[in-house]
Amino acid sequence: MANSNPRGIPGAQFFEFTQLSMEDAQKHLEKFQEAIAKYKFMETSIVRRVAGLDDKIPDIAKTLQTVEFMKKKKGESFNVLYELNDTLHTRAEVEASEKVYLWLGANVMLEYSVEEAEALLTQKLNAAQETMKVCKEDLEFLRAQITTMEVNTARVYNHTVSLKKASAPQK
């Protein structure tokens, strides 16, 4: 295997050969298939992670936007239309507060000052965006490695076909 990426995913090396026996070719084909399976497993895992981040990033950004709005409206009251469920909305008069409550997950909600909430959400948004960038880089790297291994597999397989033809009795 060649160099790895910054997160330790091993790189695939282009397999150079001039002549292989049928037995050696079969061993290489098995190794290549195993490597492809590992790369595809990693790819699937990262795709799931990207999907989770695709859901999470807009939620964090929307919450941050709301906290920033609350910060601007400090001490004022204002009317809002908010969602009770998918098809039901209602109006409310809200007085901006110095405190906000954030869901942290696992049925946990904590009270923060508006400034603390803004700092926390900004940090979480930046971290999620950076993680998304890293995941996309890893996906690109993995796809290149899978392609290299598939090319290796095709070349060795084609070599085995030519070996079979050469060993077959002539008609």
N, C-alpha and C. Protein backbone atom coordinates (compact mmCIF):
# COMPACT_ATOMS: atom_id res chain seq x y z
N MET A 1 0.83 -1.18 0.00
CA MET A 1 0.00 0.00 0.00
C MET A 1 0.89 1.25 0.00
N ALA A 2 0.38 2.29 -0.62
CA ALA A 2 1.12 3.55 -0.75
C ALA A 2 0.88 4.41 0.49
N ASN A 3 1.19 5.67 0.38
CA ASN A 3 1.02 6.60 1.49
C ASN A 3 -0.44 6.66 1.92
N SER A 4 -0.64 7.09 3.17
CA SER A 4 -2.00 7.24 3.66
C SER A 4 -2.37 8.72 3.66
N ASN A 5 -3.67 8.99 3.82
CA ASN A 5 -4.11 10.38 3.90
C ASN A 5 -3.90 10.88 5.33
N PRO A 6 -4.14 12.17 5.61
CA PRO A 6 -3.89 12.70 6.96
C PRO A 6 -4.66 12.00 8.08
N ARG A 7 -5.77 11.35 7.76
CA ARG A 7 -6.54 10.64 8.79
C ARG A 7 -6.20 9.16 8.86
N GLY A 8 -5.13 8.75 8.18
CA GLY A 8 -4.64 7.38 8.31
C GLY A 8 -5.29 6.35 7.39
N ILE A 9 -6.08 6.79 6.42
CA ILE A 9 -6.65 5.84 5.46
C ILE A 9 -5.52 5.44 4.51
N PRO A 10 -5.21 4.15 4.44
CA PRO A 10 -4.08 3.73 3.59
C PRO A 10 -4.37 3.93 2.11
N GLY A 11 -3.34 4.34 1.39
CA GLY A 11 -3.47 4.54 -0.05
C GLY A 11 -3.27 3.23 -0.80
N ALA A 12 -3.89 3.13 -1.96
CA ALA A 12 -3.73 1.95 -2.82
C ALA A 12 -2.59 2.21 -3.78
N GLN A 13 -1.84 1.17 -4.05
CA GLN A 13 -0.70 1.29 -4.95
C GLN A 13 -1.05 0.61 -6.27
N PHE A 14 -0.68 1.24 -7.37
CA PHE A 14 -0.88 0.64 -8.68
C PHE A 14 0.02 -0.58 -8.77
N PHE A 15 -0.55 -1.72 -9.11
CA PHE A 15 0.16 -2.99 -9.13
C PHE A 15 0.87 -3.17 -10.47
N GLU A 16 2.19 -3.19 -10.41
CA GLU A 16 3.02 -3.39 -11.61
C GLU A 16 3.42 -4.86 -11.69
N PHE A 17 3.25 -5.46 -12.85
CA PHE A 17 3.71 -6.83 -13.04
C PHE A 17 4.00 -7.05 -14.52
N THR A 18 4.86 -7.99 -14.79
CA THR A 18 5.12 -8.37 -16.19
C THR A 18 4.57 -9.76 -16.45
N GLN A 19 4.77 -10.65 -15.51
CA GLN A 19 4.30 -12.03 -15.67
C GLN A 19 3.91 -12.56 -14.30
N LEU A 20 2.77 -13.21 -14.24
CA LEU A 20 2.31 -13.85 -13.00
C LEU A 20 1.86 -15.26 -13.32
N SER A 21 2.07 -16.15 -12.36
CA SER A 21 1.49 -17.49 -12.51
C SER A 21 0.01 -17.39 -12.16
N MET A 22 -0.74 -18.39 -12.56
CA MET A 22 -2.17 -18.40 -12.25
C MET A 22 -2.39 -18.37 -10.74
N GLU A 23 -1.57 -19.10 -10.01
CA GLU A 23 -1.70 -19.15 -8.54
C GLU A 23 -1.44 -17.77 -7.92
N ASP A 24 -0.36 -17.12 -8.35
CA ASP A 24 -0.05 -15.78 -7.84
C ASP A 24 -1.14 -14.78 -8.21
N ALA A 25 -1.65 -14.89 -9.42
CA ALA A 25 -2.71 -13.99 -9.87
C ALA A 25 -3.95 -14.14 -8.99
N GLN A 26 -4.32 -15.36 -8.65
CA GLN A 26 -5.48 -15.60 -7.79
C GLN A 26 -5.26 -15.00 -6.40
N LYS A 27 -4.05 -15.13 -5.87
CA LYS A 27 -3.74 -14.55 -4.56
C LYS A 27 -3.88 -13.03 -4.60
N HIS A 28 -3.37 -12.43 -5.67
CA HIS A 28 -3.47 -10.97 -5.80
C HIS A 28 -4.93 -10.54 -5.97
N LEU A 29 -5.69 -11.28 -6.73
CA LEU A 29 -7.11 -10.94 -6.91
C LEU A 29 -7.84 -10.97 -5.57
N GLU A 30 -7.55 -11.96 -4.74
CA GLU A 30 -8.18 -12.03 -3.41
C GLU A 30 -7.80 -10.83 -2.55
N LYS A 31 -6.51 -10.46 -2.58
CA LYS A 31 -6.06 -9.28 -1.81
C LYS A 31 -6.74 -8.02 -2.29
N PHE A 32 -6.85 -7.88 -3.61
CA PHE A 32 -7.48 -6.69 -4.17
C PHE A 32 -8.95 -6.61 -3.78
N GLN A 33 -9.66 -7.73 -3.84
CA GLN A 33 -11.08 -7.74 -3.47
C GLN A 33 -11.26 -7.40 -1.99
N GLU A 34 -10.36 -7.91 -1.17
CA GLU A 34 -10.42 -7.60 0.27
C GLU A 34 -10.19 -6.10 0.50
N ALA A 35 -9.21 -5.54 -0.19
CA ALA A 35 -8.94 -4.10 -0.05
C ALA A 35 -10.12 -3.27 -0.53
N ILE A 36 -10.72 -3.65 -1.65
CA ILE A 36 -11.89 -2.93 -2.17
C ILE A 36 -13.02 -2.98 -1.15
N ALA A 37 -13.25 -4.14 -0.55
CA ALA A 37 -14.31 -4.27 0.46
C ALA A 37 -14.05 -3.35 1.65
N LYS A 38 -12.79 -3.27 2.08
CA LYS A 38 -12.46 -2.39 3.21
C LYS A 38 -12.70 -0.93 2.85
N TYR A 39 -12.25 -0.53 1.67
CA TYR A 39 -12.46 0.85 1.23
C TYR A 39 -13.95 1.18 1.11
N LYS A 40 -14.73 0.25 0.59
CA LYS A 40 -16.17 0.49 0.45
C LYS A 40 -16.85 0.59 1.81
N PHE A 41 -16.38 -0.21 2.77
CA PHE A 41 -16.93 -0.12 4.13
C PHE A 41 -16.65 1.27 4.71
N MET A 42 -15.39 1.74 4.55
CA MET A 42 -15.05 3.08 5.05
C MET A 42 -15.87 4.14 4.34
N GLU A 43 -16.07 3.98 3.04
CA GLU A 43 -16.85 4.93 2.26
C GLU A 43 -18.28 5.00 2.77
N THR A 44 -18.88 3.86 3.02
CA THR A 44 -20.26 3.81 3.53
C THR A 44 -20.36 4.51 4.88
N SER A 45 -19.39 4.28 5.74
CA SER A 45 -19.38 4.90 7.06
C SER A 45 -19.30 6.43 6.93
N ILE A 46 -18.44 6.90 6.06
CA ILE A 46 -18.28 8.35 5.90
C ILE A 46 -19.51 8.96 5.23
N VAL A 47 -20.12 8.26 4.30
CA VAL A 47 -21.34 8.76 3.66
C VAL A 47 -22.44 8.94 4.71
N ARG A 48 -22.55 7.99 5.64
CA ARG A 48 -23.53 8.12 6.73
C ARG A 48 -23.23 9.34 7.60
N ARG A 49 -21.95 9.54 7.86
CA ARG A 49 -21.55 10.68 8.69
C ARG A 49 -21.89 12.00 7.98
N VAL A 50 -21.64 12.06 6.68
CA VAL A 50 -21.97 13.26 5.90
C VAL A 50 -23.47 13.51 5.93
N ALA A 51 -24.27 12.44 5.80
CA ALA A 51 -25.73 12.59 5.85
C ALA A 51 -26.17 13.17 7.20
N GLY A 52 -25.55 12.70 8.27
CA GLY A 52 -25.87 13.24 9.60
C GLY A 52 -25.50 14.71 9.71
N LEU A 53 -24.35 15.06 9.17
CA LEU A 53 -23.92 16.46 9.19
C LEU A 53 -24.81 17.34 8.31
N ASP A 54 -25.30 16.77 7.19
CA ASP A 54 -26.22 17.51 6.32
C ASP A 54 -27.49 17.88 7.07
N ASP A 55 -27.91 17.05 8.01
CA ASP A 55 -29.08 17.36 8.83
C ASP A 55 -28.73 18.33 9.96
N LYS A 56 -27.57 18.12 10.55
CA LYS A 56 -27.16 18.85 11.75
C LYS A 56 -26.78 20.31 11.46
N ILE A 57 -26.04 20.56 10.41
CA ILE A 57 -25.52 21.90 10.12
C ILE A 57 -26.64 22.93 9.94
N PRO A 58 -27.68 22.64 9.13
CA PRO A 58 -28.76 23.64 9.02
C PRO A 58 -29.48 23.90 10.35
N ASP A 59 -29.63 22.86 11.17
CA ASP A 59 -30.28 23.04 12.47
C ASP A 59 -29.46 23.96 13.38
N ILE A 60 -28.15 23.73 13.41
CA ILE A 60 -27.27 24.58 14.23
C ILE A 60 -27.30 26.02 13.71
N ALA A 61 -27.23 26.18 12.39
CA ALA A 61 -27.23 27.52 11.79
C ALA A 61 -28.54 28.25 12.09
N LYS A 62 -29.65 27.54 12.01
CA LYS A 62 -30.96 28.14 12.29
C LYS A 62 -31.07 28.56 13.76
N THR A 63 -30.58 27.71 14.64
CA THR A 63 -30.59 28.03 16.07
C THR A 63 -29.69 29.22 16.36
N LEU A 64 -28.52 29.26 15.75
CA LEU A 64 -27.61 30.39 15.92
C LEU A 64 -28.26 31.68 15.43
N GLN A 65 -28.93 31.60 14.30
CA GLN A 65 -29.62 32.78 13.76
C GLN A 65 -30.69 33.27 14.74
N THR A 66 -31.40 32.35 15.35
CA THR A 66 -32.43 32.72 16.34
C THR A 66 -31.80 33.37 17.56
N VAL A 67 -30.69 32.83 18.04
CA VAL A 67 -30.00 33.40 19.20
C VAL A 67 -29.49 34.81 18.87
N GLU A 68 -28.95 34.98 17.66
CA GLU A 68 -28.49 36.31 17.25
C GLU A 68 -29.65 37.30 17.19
N PHE A 69 -30.81 36.83 16.73
CA PHE A 69 -32.01 37.68 16.70
C PHE A 69 -32.41 38.07 18.12
N MET A 70 -32.36 37.08 19.03
CA MET A 70 -32.71 37.37 20.44
C MET A 70 -31.74 38.39 21.03
N LYS A 71 -30.50 38.31 20.66
CA LYS A 71 -29.49 39.24 21.15
C LYS A 71 -29.80 40.67 20.70
N LYS A 72 -30.23 40.81 19.44
CA LYS A 72 -30.57 42.14 18.90
C LYS A 72 -31.81 42.72 19.58
N LYS A 73 -32.76 41.86 19.92
CA LYS A 73 -34.04 42.30 20.48
C LYS A 73 -34.03 42.37 22.01
N LYS A 74 -32.88 42.34 22.61
CA LYS A 74 -32.74 42.33 24.07
C LYS A 74 -33.69 43.33 24.74
N GLY A 75 -34.56 42.83 25.61
CA GLY A 75 -35.47 43.67 26.37
C GLY A 75 -36.73 44.09 25.62
N GLU A 76 -36.84 43.83 24.35
CA GLU A 76 -38.03 44.19 23.57
C GLU A 76 -38.96 42.98 23.47
N SER A 77 -40.22 43.27 23.20
CA SER A 77 -41.14 42.17 22.89
C SER A 77 -41.43 42.20 21.40
N PHE A 78 -41.74 41.03 20.85
CA PHE A 78 -42.00 40.92 19.42
C PHE A 78 -42.94 39.74 19.18
N ASN A 79 -43.60 39.75 18.04
CA ASN A 79 -44.53 38.68 17.69
C ASN A 79 -43.83 37.68 16.78
N VAL A 80 -44.13 36.42 17.00
CA VAL A 80 -43.56 35.36 16.18
C VAL A 80 -44.65 34.38 15.77
N LEU A 81 -44.41 33.72 14.65
CA LEU A 81 -45.23 32.60 14.20
C LEU A 81 -44.33 31.38 14.34
N TYR A 82 -44.74 30.41 15.14
CA TYR A 82 -43.88 29.26 15.34
C TYR A 82 -44.64 27.96 15.10
N GLU A 83 -43.88 26.92 14.85
CA GLU A 83 -44.41 25.62 14.49
C GLU A 83 -44.64 24.77 15.74
N LEU A 84 -45.86 24.28 15.87
CA LEU A 84 -46.17 23.35 16.96
C LEU A 84 -45.91 21.92 16.50
N ASN A 85 -46.29 21.62 15.26
CA ASN A 85 -45.94 20.36 14.61
C ASN A 85 -45.90 20.60 13.11
N ASP A 86 -45.82 19.57 12.30
CA ASP A 86 -45.63 19.74 10.86
C ASP A 86 -46.69 20.58 10.17
N THR A 87 -47.91 20.52 10.64
CA THR A 87 -49.00 21.22 9.96
C THR A 87 -49.68 22.29 10.81
N LEU A 88 -49.17 22.52 12.01
CA LEU A 88 -49.85 23.44 12.91
C LEU A 88 -48.88 24.52 13.40
N HIS A 89 -49.25 25.77 13.13
CA HIS A 89 -48.45 26.92 13.56
C HIS A 89 -49.32 27.83 14.41
N THR A 90 -48.71 28.62 15.24
CA THR A 90 -49.45 29.58 16.07
C THR A 90 -48.61 30.84 16.27
N ARG A 91 -49.27 31.88 16.71
CA ARG A 91 -48.59 33.15 16.97
C ARG A 91 -48.39 33.31 18.48
N ALA A 92 -47.32 34.05 18.80
CA ALA A 92 -47.05 34.32 20.21
C ALA A 92 -46.33 35.65 20.32
N GLU A 93 -46.54 36.29 21.46
CA GLU A 93 -45.77 37.50 21.75
C GLU A 93 -44.66 37.07 22.70
N VAL A 94 -43.43 37.41 22.33
CA VAL A 94 -42.27 36.97 23.08
C VAL A 94 -41.52 38.19 23.56
N GLU A 95 -41.12 38.14 24.81
CA GLU A 95 -40.25 39.20 25.33
C GLU A 95 -38.84 38.65 25.36
N ALA A 96 -37.94 39.34 24.67
CA ALA A 96 -36.55 38.87 24.60
C ALA A 96 -35.96 38.81 26.00
N SER A 97 -35.23 37.75 26.22
CA SER A 97 -34.67 37.49 27.54
C SER A 97 -33.15 37.50 27.47
N GLU A 98 -32.55 37.55 28.63
CA GLU A 98 -31.08 37.46 28.72
C GLU A 98 -30.63 36.01 28.65
N LYS A 99 -31.57 35.08 28.77
CA LYS A 99 -31.27 33.64 28.81
C LYS A 99 -31.98 32.92 27.68
N VAL A 100 -31.35 31.84 27.21
CA VAL A 100 -31.97 30.95 26.24
C VAL A 100 -31.72 29.51 26.71
N TYR A 101 -32.56 28.62 26.24
CA TYR A 101 -32.43 27.21 26.57
C TYR A 101 -32.09 26.45 25.29
N LEU A 102 -31.06 25.63 25.36
CA LEU A 102 -30.63 24.85 24.20
C LEU A 102 -30.74 23.36 24.49
N TRP A 103 -31.32 22.64 23.50
CA TRP A 103 -31.33 21.19 23.58
C TRP A 103 -29.95 20.70 23.22
N LEU A 104 -29.36 19.89 24.07
CA LEU A 104 -28.03 19.36 23.81
C LEU A 104 -28.08 17.93 23.29
N GLY A 105 -29.24 17.32 23.32
CA GLY A 105 -29.40 15.94 22.91
C GLY A 105 -29.58 15.06 24.12
N ALA A 106 -29.98 13.81 23.89
CA ALA A 106 -30.22 12.84 24.97
C ALA A 106 -31.16 13.41 26.02
N ASN A 107 -32.18 14.13 25.57
CA ASN A 107 -33.19 14.74 26.45
C ASN A 107 -32.59 15.68 27.49
N VAL A 108 -31.55 16.40 27.09
CA VAL A 108 -30.89 17.35 27.99
C VAL A 108 -31.05 18.76 27.42
N MET A 109 -31.53 19.67 28.28
CA MET A 109 -31.65 21.07 27.90
C MET A 109 -30.96 21.88 28.98
N LEU A 110 -30.14 22.86 28.54
CA LEU A 110 -29.45 23.71 29.49
C LEU A 110 -29.74 25.17 29.22
N GLU A 111 -29.69 25.96 30.29
CA GLU A 111 -29.90 27.40 30.18
C GLU A 111 -28.54 28.07 29.97
N TYR A 112 -28.50 28.98 29.00
CA TYR A 112 -27.29 29.76 28.71
C TYR A 112 -27.66 31.22 28.61
N SER A 113 -26.68 32.07 28.86
CA SER A 113 -26.89 33.47 28.53
C SER A 113 -26.87 33.55 27.01
N VAL A 114 -27.43 34.61 26.46
CA VAL A 114 -27.47 34.76 25.00
C VAL A 114 -26.05 34.74 24.43
N GLU A 115 -25.11 35.40 25.10
CA GLU A 115 -23.73 35.46 24.62
C GLU A 115 -23.07 34.07 24.67
N GLU A 116 -23.30 33.33 25.76
CA GLU A 116 -22.73 31.98 25.87
C GLU A 116 -23.31 31.06 24.79
N ALA A 117 -24.62 31.18 24.57
CA ALA A 117 -25.28 30.34 23.56
C ALA A 117 -24.73 30.67 22.18
N GLU A 118 -24.55 31.95 21.90
CA GLU A 118 -24.01 32.36 20.61
C GLU A 118 -22.60 31.79 20.40
N ALA A 119 -21.77 31.89 21.43
CA ALA A 119 -20.40 31.38 21.34
C ALA A 119 -20.41 29.85 21.15
N LEU A 120 -21.23 29.16 21.92
CA LEU A 120 -21.31 27.70 21.83
C LEU A 120 -21.79 27.27 20.45
N LEU A 121 -22.85 27.90 19.96
CA LEU A 121 -23.40 27.52 18.66
C LEU A 121 -22.45 27.85 17.52
N THR A 122 -21.74 28.96 17.63
CA THR A 122 -20.75 29.32 16.62
C THR A 122 -19.64 28.27 16.59
N GLN A 123 -19.19 27.87 17.76
CA GLN A 123 -18.16 26.84 17.86
C GLN A 123 -18.65 25.52 17.27
N LYS A 124 -19.87 25.12 17.61
CA LYS A 124 -20.43 23.86 17.11
C LYS A 124 -20.62 23.91 15.59
N LEU A 125 -21.06 25.05 15.08
CA LEU A 125 -21.25 25.19 13.64
C LEU A 125 -19.92 25.10 12.90
N ASN A 126 -18.91 25.80 13.41
CA ASN A 126 -17.58 25.75 12.78
C ASN A 126 -17.01 24.34 12.81
N ALA A 127 -17.17 23.66 13.93
CA ALA A 127 -16.66 22.28 14.05
C ALA A 127 -17.38 21.34 13.08
N ALA A 128 -18.69 21.49 12.97
CA ALA A 128 -19.46 20.64 12.06
C ALA A 128 -19.08 20.90 10.61
N GLN A 129 -18.87 22.17 10.27
CA GLN A 129 -18.47 22.51 8.89
C GLN A 129 -17.07 21.98 8.58
N GLU A 130 -16.17 22.04 9.54
CA GLU A 130 -14.82 21.51 9.35
C GLU A 130 -14.86 19.99 9.21
N THR A 131 -15.67 19.34 10.02
CA THR A 131 -15.83 17.89 9.92
C THR A 131 -16.39 17.50 8.56
N MET A 132 -17.34 18.28 8.06
CA MET A 132 -17.92 18.02 6.74
C MET A 132 -16.84 18.12 5.66
N LYS A 133 -16.00 19.14 5.77
CA LYS A 133 -14.91 19.33 4.80
C LYS A 133 -13.97 18.13 4.82
N VAL A 134 -13.60 17.69 6.00
CA VAL A 134 -12.70 16.54 6.16
C VAL A 134 -13.35 15.27 5.59
N CYS A 135 -14.63 15.08 5.86
CA CYS A 135 -15.33 13.89 5.36
C CYS A 135 -15.37 13.89 3.83
N LYS A 136 -15.61 15.03 3.24
CA LYS A 136 -15.64 15.10 1.78
C LYS A 136 -14.25 14.84 1.18
N GLU A 137 -13.21 15.32 1.84
CA GLU A 137 -11.84 15.01 1.39
C GLU A 137 -11.58 13.51 1.48
N ASP A 138 -12.01 12.90 2.59
CA ASP A 138 -11.81 11.46 2.76
C ASP A 138 -12.58 10.66 1.71
N LEU A 139 -13.80 11.10 1.40
CA LEU A 139 -14.58 10.41 0.37
C LEU A 139 -13.88 10.47 -0.98
N GLU A 140 -13.37 11.63 -1.31
CA GLU A 140 -12.65 11.80 -2.57
C GLU A 140 -11.43 10.87 -2.61
N PHE A 141 -10.68 10.84 -1.51
CA PHE A 141 -9.51 9.97 -1.41
C PHE A 141 -9.91 8.50 -1.55
N LEU A 142 -10.95 8.10 -0.83
CA LEU A 142 -11.40 6.71 -0.87
C LEU A 142 -11.84 6.29 -2.27
N ARG A 143 -12.55 7.17 -2.95
CA ARG A 143 -13.02 6.84 -4.30
C ARG A 143 -11.84 6.64 -5.25
N ALA A 144 -10.80 7.45 -5.08
CA ALA A 144 -9.59 7.28 -5.91
C ALA A 144 -8.92 5.94 -5.60
N GLN A 145 -8.90 5.54 -4.32
CA GLN A 145 -8.28 4.27 -3.94
C GLN A 145 -9.08 3.09 -4.48
N ILE A 146 -10.39 3.19 -4.42
CA ILE A 146 -11.26 2.13 -4.95
C ILE A 146 -11.02 1.98 -6.45
N THR A 147 -10.94 3.10 -7.15
CA THR A 147 -10.69 3.05 -8.60
C THR A 147 -9.36 2.37 -8.90
N THR A 148 -8.31 2.74 -8.14
CA THR A 148 -7.00 2.11 -8.34
C THR A 148 -7.07 0.61 -8.13
N MET A 149 -7.76 0.18 -7.09
CA MET A 149 -7.85 -1.26 -6.80
C MET A 149 -8.69 -1.97 -7.86
N GLU A 150 -9.73 -1.32 -8.37
CA GLU A 150 -10.54 -1.93 -9.42
C GLU A 150 -9.73 -2.08 -10.71
N VAL A 151 -8.89 -1.09 -11.01
CA VAL A 151 -8.02 -1.18 -12.18
C VAL A 151 -7.02 -2.32 -11.99
N ASN A 152 -6.43 -2.42 -10.80
CA ASN A 152 -5.51 -3.53 -10.50
C ASN A 152 -6.21 -4.88 -10.71
N THR A 153 -7.42 -4.98 -10.20
CA THR A 153 -8.19 -6.22 -10.32
C THR A 153 -8.44 -6.55 -11.79
N ALA A 154 -8.85 -5.57 -12.55
CA ALA A 154 -9.14 -5.81 -13.97
C ALA A 154 -7.89 -6.24 -14.73
N ARG A 155 -6.77 -5.61 -14.45
CA ARG A 155 -5.53 -5.96 -15.15
C ARG A 155 -5.10 -7.38 -14.83
N VAL A 156 -5.14 -7.76 -13.55
CA VAL A 156 -4.73 -9.11 -13.17
C VAL A 156 -5.73 -10.13 -13.71
N TYR A 157 -7.01 -9.81 -13.64
CA TYR A 157 -8.03 -10.72 -14.18
C TYR A 157 -7.81 -10.94 -15.67
N ASN A 158 -7.57 -9.86 -16.41
CA ASN A 158 -7.31 -9.99 -17.85
C ASN A 158 -6.06 -10.84 -18.10
N HIS A 159 -5.09 -10.72 -17.23
CA HIS A 159 -3.88 -11.55 -17.35
C HIS A 159 -4.23 -13.02 -17.16
N THR A 160 -5.11 -13.33 -16.18
CA THR A 160 -5.50 -14.73 -15.97
C THR A 160 -6.26 -15.26 -17.17
N VAL A 161 -7.07 -14.43 -17.81
CA VAL A 161 -7.79 -14.86 -19.01
C VAL A 161 -6.80 -15.22 -20.11
N SER A 162 -5.76 -14.39 -20.29
CA SER A 162 -4.77 -14.69 -21.32
C SER A 162 -3.96 -15.94 -20.95
N LEU A 163 -3.71 -16.18 -19.66
CA LEU A 163 -3.03 -17.41 -19.24
C LEU A 163 -3.89 -18.64 -19.55
N LYS A 164 -5.20 -18.53 -19.31
CA LYS A 164 -6.11 -19.65 -19.59
C LYS A 164 -6.15 -19.94 -21.09
N LYS A 165 -6.18 -18.89 -21.90
CA LYS A 165 -6.19 -19.07 -23.35
C LYS A 165 -4.91 -19.75 -23.82
N ALA A 166 -3.78 -19.33 -23.26
CA ALA A 166 -2.49 -19.89 -23.67
C ALA A 166 -2.35 -21.36 -23.26
N SER A 167 -2.96 -21.73 -22.16
CA SER A 167 -2.85 -23.12 -21.69
C SER A 167 -3.92 -24.03 -22.26
N ALA A 168 -4.93 -23.46 -22.88
CA ALA A 168 -6.02 -24.26 -23.45
C ALA A 168 -5.50 -24.97 -24.71
N PRO A 169 -5.95 -26.21 -24.93
CA PRO A 169 -5.51 -26.93 -26.14
C PRO A 169 -6.06 -26.24 -27.39
N GLN A 170 -5.24 -26.13 -28.39
CA GLN A 170 -5.61 -25.50 -29.66
C GLN A 170 -6.50 -26.44 -30.47
N LYS A 171 -7.50 -25.90 -31.12
CA LYS A 171 -8.41 -26.70 -31.94
C LYS A 171 -7.98 -26.68 -33.36
